[in-house]
Amino acid sequence: MEPPVDRIRLSQTAKDQLSKLKRQTKIDRWNVLCRWAFCRSLCEATTPSPVPVPADSNVELSWQVFGGELGDFLIAALKQRCQNDGLGCDKETLAQQFRLHLHRGIGYLAGDPDLKRIENLIHLVTSQVGGTKGDRSNI
């Protein structure tokens, strides 16, 4: 599948938020945290706000590094989400929605006061998948 973007350059704000997440979770790879963040945003019922996202940091990833072995699945998830939201699946829309979801997800993860260890990240995802979203009594 053709990726929505060839290269991803993050905003300085997203870089700072990812640096914080790297320290907290001990996940030392930008791409892994970005995948978690992208998927976190896709789980939200609302569409991301169409705000301009600057590409003003020195963190840049190729799609292949971002997606890894999951690249085609992430593209399919993005396309499905765009269809569900009543948006087109043209290259420009996919690229815009990808950037918006990625940056929104990074903000959500970085702003989560309970996300202090990798175990909390796993619990966050499994509680959303399991239907107990919001229940963090075990964190």
N, C-alpha and C. Protein backbone atom coordinates (compact mmCIF):
# COMPACT_ATOMS: atom_id res chain seq x y z
N MET A 1 0.84 -1.19 0.00
CA MET A 1 0.00 0.00 0.00
C MET A 1 0.88 1.24 0.00
N GLU A 2 0.37 2.27 -0.65
CA GLU A 2 1.12 3.52 -0.69
C GLU A 2 0.89 4.29 0.61
N PRO A 3 1.96 4.71 1.28
CA PRO A 3 1.80 5.45 2.54
C PRO A 3 1.27 6.85 2.29
N PRO A 4 0.63 7.44 3.30
CA PRO A 4 0.10 8.79 3.16
C PRO A 4 1.19 9.85 3.03
N VAL A 5 2.35 9.57 3.59
CA VAL A 5 3.51 10.47 3.52
C VAL A 5 4.77 9.62 3.36
N ASP A 6 5.78 10.21 2.76
CA ASP A 6 7.07 9.51 2.66
C ASP A 6 7.92 9.75 3.90
N ARG A 7 7.85 11.00 4.38
CA ARG A 7 8.63 11.39 5.55
C ARG A 7 7.74 12.16 6.51
N ILE A 8 8.01 12.00 7.79
CA ILE A 8 7.24 12.65 8.84
C ILE A 8 8.20 13.53 9.63
N ARG A 9 7.93 14.81 9.67
CA ARG A 9 8.71 15.71 10.52
C ARG A 9 7.77 16.20 11.62
N LEU A 10 8.19 16.03 12.85
CA LEU A 10 7.34 16.38 13.99
C LEU A 10 7.48 17.85 14.35
N SER A 11 6.48 18.36 15.04
CA SER A 11 6.56 19.71 15.59
C SER A 11 7.49 19.69 16.80
N GLN A 12 7.99 20.86 17.16
CA GLN A 12 8.86 20.96 18.33
C GLN A 12 8.10 20.56 19.59
N THR A 13 6.83 20.93 19.66
CA THR A 13 6.01 20.55 20.81
C THR A 13 5.92 19.03 20.92
N ALA A 14 5.66 18.36 19.79
CA ALA A 14 5.56 16.90 19.79
C ALA A 14 6.90 16.28 20.18
N LYS A 15 7.99 16.85 19.71
CA LYS A 15 9.31 16.33 20.08
C LYS A 15 9.51 16.42 21.59
N ASP A 16 9.16 17.56 22.17
CA ASP A 16 9.30 17.74 23.62
C ASP A 16 8.41 16.75 24.37
N GLN A 17 7.20 16.55 23.89
CA GLN A 17 6.28 15.61 24.53
C GLN A 17 6.81 14.18 24.42
N LEU A 18 7.35 13.82 23.27
CA LEU A 18 7.91 12.48 23.10
C LEU A 18 9.14 12.28 23.98
N SER A 19 9.94 13.32 24.15
CA SER A 19 11.10 13.22 25.04
C SER A 19 10.66 12.91 26.46
N LYS A 20 9.59 13.57 26.90
CA LYS A 20 9.02 13.30 28.22
C LYS A 20 8.54 11.85 28.31
N LEU A 21 7.84 11.40 27.28
CA LEU A 21 7.35 10.01 27.27
C LEU A 21 8.49 9.00 27.26
N LYS A 22 9.56 9.32 26.55
CA LYS A 22 10.72 8.42 26.53
C LYS A 22 11.29 8.26 27.93
N ARG A 23 11.38 9.36 28.66
CA ARG A 23 11.90 9.30 30.03
C ARG A 23 10.97 8.50 30.94
N GLN A 24 9.67 8.72 30.81
CA GLN A 24 8.71 8.08 31.69
C GLN A 24 8.56 6.59 31.41
N THR A 25 8.42 6.24 30.15
CA THR A 25 8.11 4.85 29.79
C THR A 25 9.34 4.00 29.57
N LYS A 26 10.50 4.64 29.38
CA LYS A 26 11.76 3.96 29.04
C LYS A 26 11.71 3.35 27.64
N ILE A 27 10.73 3.75 26.82
CA ILE A 27 10.70 3.36 25.41
C ILE A 27 11.59 4.37 24.70
N ASP A 28 12.69 3.90 24.13
CA ASP A 28 13.69 4.83 23.62
C ASP A 28 13.61 5.08 22.11
N ARG A 29 12.59 4.59 21.46
CA ARG A 29 12.46 4.75 20.01
C ARG A 29 11.31 5.71 19.68
N TRP A 30 11.62 6.75 18.92
CA TRP A 30 10.60 7.70 18.50
C TRP A 30 9.47 6.98 17.76
N ASN A 31 9.85 6.08 16.85
CA ASN A 31 8.85 5.44 15.99
C ASN A 31 7.86 4.60 16.79
N VAL A 32 8.32 3.93 17.81
CA VAL A 32 7.43 3.10 18.63
C VAL A 32 6.43 3.98 19.36
N LEU A 33 6.91 5.05 19.96
CA LEU A 33 6.00 5.97 20.66
C LEU A 33 5.03 6.63 19.68
N CYS A 34 5.51 6.95 18.50
CA CYS A 34 4.63 7.56 17.50
C CYS A 34 3.54 6.59 17.06
N ARG A 35 3.87 5.30 16.93
CA ARG A 35 2.83 4.32 16.58
C ARG A 35 1.76 4.25 17.66
N TRP A 36 2.20 4.20 18.92
CA TRP A 36 1.25 4.17 20.03
C TRP A 36 0.36 5.41 19.98
N ALA A 37 0.98 6.57 19.74
CA ALA A 37 0.24 7.83 19.73
C ALA A 37 -0.77 7.86 18.58
N PHE A 38 -0.36 7.43 17.42
CA PHE A 38 -1.25 7.42 16.26
C PHE A 38 -2.46 6.53 16.55
N CYS A 39 -2.22 5.36 17.06
CA CYS A 39 -3.31 4.43 17.38
C CYS A 39 -4.19 4.98 18.49
N ARG A 40 -3.60 5.67 19.45
CA ARG A 40 -4.37 6.28 20.54
C ARG A 40 -5.36 7.29 19.98
N SER A 41 -4.92 8.09 19.02
CA SER A 41 -5.80 9.08 18.43
C SER A 41 -6.90 8.42 17.60
N LEU A 42 -6.56 7.36 16.88
CA LEU A 42 -7.56 6.67 16.08
C LEU A 42 -8.69 6.10 16.94
N CYS A 43 -8.40 5.80 18.21
CA CYS A 43 -9.41 5.25 19.12
C CYS A 43 -10.46 6.27 19.54
N GLU A 44 -10.15 7.55 19.39
CA GLU A 44 -11.09 8.60 19.79
C GLU A 44 -12.27 8.66 18.84
N ALA A 45 -13.43 8.95 19.36
CA ALA A 45 -14.63 9.04 18.53
C ALA A 45 -14.65 10.30 17.68
N THR A 46 -14.03 11.36 18.15
CA THR A 46 -14.05 12.63 17.42
C THR A 46 -12.91 12.71 16.41
N THR A 47 -13.12 13.55 15.42
CA THR A 47 -12.04 13.80 14.47
C THR A 47 -11.10 14.83 15.08
N PRO A 48 -9.84 14.77 14.71
CA PRO A 48 -8.90 15.78 15.24
C PRO A 48 -9.23 17.16 14.69
N SER A 49 -8.99 18.17 15.48
CA SER A 49 -9.21 19.55 15.03
C SER A 49 -8.27 19.85 13.87
N PRO A 50 -8.79 20.49 12.83
CA PRO A 50 -7.94 20.80 11.67
C PRO A 50 -7.06 22.02 11.91
N VAL A 51 -6.12 21.88 12.80
CA VAL A 51 -5.21 22.98 13.14
C VAL A 51 -3.90 22.80 12.38
N PRO A 52 -3.23 23.90 12.08
CA PRO A 52 -1.92 23.77 11.42
C PRO A 52 -0.92 23.13 12.39
N VAL A 53 -0.16 22.17 11.89
CA VAL A 53 0.86 21.51 12.70
C VAL A 53 2.22 21.84 12.08
N PRO A 54 3.02 22.66 12.77
CA PRO A 54 4.31 23.01 12.18
C PRO A 54 5.25 21.81 12.16
N ALA A 55 6.13 21.78 11.20
CA ALA A 55 7.16 20.74 11.11
C ALA A 55 8.48 21.40 11.48
N ASP A 56 8.56 21.87 12.73
CA ASP A 56 9.67 22.73 13.13
C ASP A 56 10.68 22.09 14.07
N SER A 57 10.69 20.76 14.17
CA SER A 57 11.70 20.11 15.00
C SER A 57 12.72 19.43 14.09
N ASN A 58 13.73 18.86 14.72
CA ASN A 58 14.73 18.11 13.95
C ASN A 58 14.44 16.61 13.96
N VAL A 59 13.27 16.20 14.42
CA VAL A 59 12.90 14.78 14.43
C VAL A 59 12.14 14.49 13.15
N GLU A 60 12.72 13.60 12.36
CA GLU A 60 12.11 13.21 11.10
C GLU A 60 12.22 11.70 10.96
N LEU A 61 11.12 11.09 10.54
CA LEU A 61 11.07 9.64 10.34
C LEU A 61 10.57 9.35 8.93
N SER A 62 11.11 8.32 8.33
CA SER A 62 10.52 7.86 7.08
C SER A 62 9.28 7.04 7.43
N TRP A 63 8.39 6.88 6.46
CA TRP A 63 7.21 6.06 6.71
C TRP A 63 7.63 4.64 7.08
N GLN A 64 8.66 4.12 6.42
CA GLN A 64 9.10 2.75 6.69
C GLN A 64 9.56 2.60 8.14
N VAL A 65 10.23 3.60 8.66
CA VAL A 65 10.67 3.54 10.06
C VAL A 65 9.46 3.68 10.98
N PHE A 66 8.57 4.63 10.66
CA PHE A 66 7.38 4.82 11.49
C PHE A 66 6.54 3.55 11.52
N GLY A 67 6.18 3.04 10.36
CA GLY A 67 5.25 1.92 10.29
C GLY A 67 5.86 0.57 10.55
N GLY A 68 7.12 0.39 10.16
CA GLY A 68 7.74 -0.91 10.32
C GLY A 68 6.91 -2.01 9.68
N GLU A 69 6.84 -3.14 10.32
CA GLU A 69 6.06 -4.28 9.81
C GLU A 69 4.56 -4.00 9.83
N LEU A 70 4.15 -3.01 10.60
CA LEU A 70 2.72 -2.67 10.72
C LEU A 70 2.28 -1.61 9.72
N GLY A 71 3.18 -1.16 8.86
CA GLY A 71 2.89 -0.06 7.95
C GLY A 71 1.60 -0.21 7.18
N ASP A 72 1.39 -1.36 6.54
CA ASP A 72 0.17 -1.55 5.75
C ASP A 72 -1.08 -1.55 6.62
N PHE A 73 -0.98 -2.10 7.81
CA PHE A 73 -2.13 -2.10 8.73
C PHE A 73 -2.46 -0.67 9.17
N LEU A 74 -1.43 0.13 9.41
CA LEU A 74 -1.65 1.52 9.84
C LEU A 74 -2.27 2.34 8.71
N ILE A 75 -1.84 2.08 7.47
CA ILE A 75 -2.45 2.76 6.32
C ILE A 75 -3.92 2.37 6.21
N ALA A 76 -4.20 1.08 6.32
CA ALA A 76 -5.59 0.61 6.24
C ALA A 76 -6.44 1.21 7.35
N ALA A 77 -5.90 1.30 8.55
CA ALA A 77 -6.64 1.88 9.68
C ALA A 77 -6.93 3.36 9.41
N LEU A 78 -5.96 4.07 8.87
CA LEU A 78 -6.16 5.48 8.56
C LEU A 78 -7.22 5.65 7.47
N LYS A 79 -7.16 4.84 6.44
CA LYS A 79 -8.15 4.93 5.37
C LYS A 79 -9.55 4.62 5.90
N GLN A 80 -9.65 3.61 6.73
CA GLN A 80 -10.95 3.26 7.31
C GLN A 80 -11.48 4.40 8.16
N ARG A 81 -10.60 4.99 8.95
CA ARG A 81 -11.01 6.11 9.81
C ARG A 81 -11.48 7.29 8.97
N CYS A 82 -10.75 7.59 7.88
CA CYS A 82 -11.17 8.69 7.00
C CYS A 82 -12.54 8.41 6.39
N GLN A 83 -12.78 7.18 5.99
CA GLN A 83 -14.09 6.82 5.45
C GLN A 83 -15.17 6.96 6.52
N ASN A 84 -14.88 6.47 7.72
CA ASN A 84 -15.85 6.57 8.82
C ASN A 84 -16.18 8.03 9.15
N ASP A 85 -15.19 8.91 9.00
CA ASP A 85 -15.38 10.32 9.31
C ASP A 85 -15.97 11.10 8.14
N GLY A 86 -16.26 10.41 7.03
CA GLY A 86 -16.85 11.07 5.87
C GLY A 86 -15.87 11.92 5.08
N LEU A 87 -14.59 11.60 5.22
CA LEU A 87 -13.55 12.32 4.50
C LEU A 87 -13.13 11.50 3.29
N GLY A 88 -12.46 12.11 2.38
CA GLY A 88 -11.95 11.38 1.23
C GLY A 88 -10.73 10.55 1.60
N CYS A 89 -10.32 9.73 0.68
CA CYS A 89 -9.11 8.92 0.87
C CYS A 89 -8.05 9.28 -0.17
N ASP A 90 -8.10 10.53 -0.65
CA ASP A 90 -7.07 10.98 -1.57
C ASP A 90 -5.78 11.22 -0.78
N LYS A 91 -4.68 11.29 -1.47
CA LYS A 91 -3.35 11.39 -0.84
C LYS A 91 -3.25 12.60 0.10
N GLU A 92 -3.79 13.74 -0.33
CA GLU A 92 -3.70 14.95 0.49
C GLU A 92 -4.49 14.80 1.80
N THR A 93 -5.70 14.28 1.71
CA THR A 93 -6.53 14.07 2.91
C THR A 93 -5.87 13.08 3.84
N LEU A 94 -5.36 11.99 3.30
CA LEU A 94 -4.69 10.98 4.15
C LEU A 94 -3.47 11.58 4.84
N ALA A 95 -2.69 12.36 4.11
CA ALA A 95 -1.50 12.98 4.71
C ALA A 95 -1.89 13.93 5.83
N GLN A 96 -2.91 14.75 5.57
CA GLN A 96 -3.35 15.71 6.58
C GLN A 96 -3.90 15.00 7.82
N GLN A 97 -4.76 14.02 7.61
CA GLN A 97 -5.34 13.29 8.73
C GLN A 97 -4.29 12.51 9.51
N PHE A 98 -3.32 11.96 8.79
CA PHE A 98 -2.24 11.26 9.48
C PHE A 98 -1.51 12.20 10.43
N ARG A 99 -1.11 13.37 9.93
CA ARG A 99 -0.38 14.33 10.77
C ARG A 99 -1.23 14.77 11.97
N LEU A 100 -2.51 15.03 11.71
CA LEU A 100 -3.39 15.46 12.80
C LEU A 100 -3.56 14.37 13.85
N HIS A 101 -3.78 13.13 13.41
CA HIS A 101 -3.93 12.03 14.37
C HIS A 101 -2.64 11.78 15.13
N LEU A 102 -1.52 11.81 14.44
CA LEU A 102 -0.23 11.57 15.11
C LEU A 102 0.01 12.62 16.19
N HIS A 103 -0.14 13.88 15.84
CA HIS A 103 0.15 14.93 16.82
C HIS A 103 -0.89 14.96 17.95
N ARG A 104 -2.15 14.69 17.63
CA ARG A 104 -3.15 14.64 18.70
C ARG A 104 -2.83 13.49 19.65
N GLY A 105 -2.48 12.34 19.10
CA GLY A 105 -2.16 11.18 19.94
C GLY A 105 -0.95 11.43 20.83
N ILE A 106 0.06 12.09 20.30
CA ILE A 106 1.24 12.41 21.11
C ILE A 106 0.82 13.31 22.27
N GLY A 107 -0.02 14.29 21.97
CA GLY A 107 -0.51 15.18 23.03
C GLY A 107 -1.31 14.43 24.09
N TYR A 108 -2.15 13.51 23.65
CA TYR A 108 -2.94 12.72 24.60
C TYR A 108 -2.04 11.88 25.51
N LEU A 109 -1.08 11.20 24.91
CA LEU A 109 -0.20 10.36 25.73
C LEU A 109 0.64 11.21 26.69
N ALA A 110 1.17 12.30 26.19
CA ALA A 110 2.03 13.15 27.03
C ALA A 110 1.22 13.83 28.14
N GLY A 111 -0.05 14.10 27.89
CA GLY A 111 -0.87 14.77 28.88
C GLY A 111 -1.55 13.84 29.87
N ASP A 112 -1.34 12.55 29.72
CA ASP A 112 -1.97 11.58 30.62
C ASP A 112 -1.16 11.47 31.91
N PRO A 113 -1.71 11.96 33.04
CA PRO A 113 -0.93 11.95 34.28
C PRO A 113 -0.65 10.54 34.81
N ASP A 114 -1.41 9.56 34.36
CA ASP A 114 -1.20 8.19 34.83
C ASP A 114 -0.18 7.42 34.01
N LEU A 115 0.30 8.00 32.94
CA LEU A 115 1.22 7.30 32.05
C LEU A 115 2.66 7.52 32.53
N LYS A 116 3.08 6.67 33.42
CA LYS A 116 4.40 6.82 34.02
C LYS A 116 5.36 5.68 33.67
N ARG A 117 4.79 4.56 33.25
CA ARG A 117 5.62 3.39 32.90
C ARG A 117 5.00 2.71 31.70
N ILE A 118 5.76 1.84 31.08
CA ILE A 118 5.26 1.12 29.92
C ILE A 118 4.03 0.29 30.28
N GLU A 119 3.98 -0.20 31.51
CA GLU A 119 2.82 -0.99 31.94
C GLU A 119 1.53 -0.16 31.89
N ASN A 120 1.65 1.14 32.21
CA ASN A 120 0.49 2.02 32.15
C ASN A 120 0.01 2.20 30.71
N LEU A 121 0.95 2.25 29.79
CA LEU A 121 0.60 2.37 28.38
C LEU A 121 -0.14 1.12 27.91
N ILE A 122 0.35 -0.03 28.29
CA ILE A 122 -0.31 -1.29 27.93
C ILE A 122 -1.71 -1.34 28.54
N HIS A 123 -1.83 -0.94 29.77
CA HIS A 123 -3.14 -0.95 30.44
C HIS A 123 -4.11 0.01 29.75
N LEU A 124 -3.62 1.17 29.35
CA LEU A 124 -4.46 2.14 28.66
C LEU A 124 -5.06 1.53 27.41
N VAL A 125 -4.26 0.86 26.64
CA VAL A 125 -4.73 0.26 25.39
C VAL A 125 -5.65 -0.93 25.65
N THR A 126 -5.28 -1.79 26.56
CA THR A 126 -6.11 -2.97 26.81
C THR A 126 -7.43 -2.60 27.45
N SER A 127 -7.46 -1.54 28.24
CA SER A 127 -8.73 -1.13 28.85
C SER A 127 -9.65 -0.53 27.80
N GLN A 128 -9.10 0.16 26.80
CA GLN A 128 -9.93 0.71 25.73
C GLN A 128 -10.45 -0.40 24.83
N VAL A 129 -9.62 -1.36 24.53
CA VAL A 129 -10.04 -2.48 23.68
C VAL A 129 -11.04 -3.35 24.41
N GLY A 130 -10.83 -3.50 25.72
CA GLY A 130 -11.71 -4.37 26.50
C GLY A 130 -13.02 -3.72 26.90
N GLY A 131 -13.20 -2.44 26.59
CA GLY A 131 -14.48 -1.82 26.86
C GLY A 131 -14.58 -1.17 28.23
N THR A 132 -13.48 -1.06 28.96
CA THR A 132 -13.52 -0.43 30.27
C THR A 132 -12.77 0.89 30.24
N LYS A 133 -12.89 1.61 29.13
CA LYS A 133 -12.20 2.87 28.96
C LYS A 133 -12.50 3.81 30.14
N GLY A 134 -11.45 4.39 30.64
CA GLY A 134 -11.62 5.33 31.73
C GLY A 134 -11.39 4.70 33.09
N ASP A 135 -11.48 3.39 33.21
CA ASP A 135 -11.26 2.72 34.48
C ASP A 135 -9.77 2.49 34.65
N ARG A 136 -9.16 3.28 35.50
CA ARG A 136 -7.72 3.18 35.72
C ARG A 136 -7.42 2.76 37.16
N SER A 137 -8.30 2.06 37.76
CA SER A 137 -8.13 1.69 39.15
C SER A 137 -6.94 0.76 39.36
N ASN A 138 -6.51 0.07 38.32
CA ASN A 138 -5.38 -0.85 38.46
C ASN A 138 -4.05 -0.25 38.09
N ILE A 139 -4.03 1.03 37.72
CA ILE A 139 -2.77 1.65 37.30
C ILE A 139 -1.94 1.99 38.51
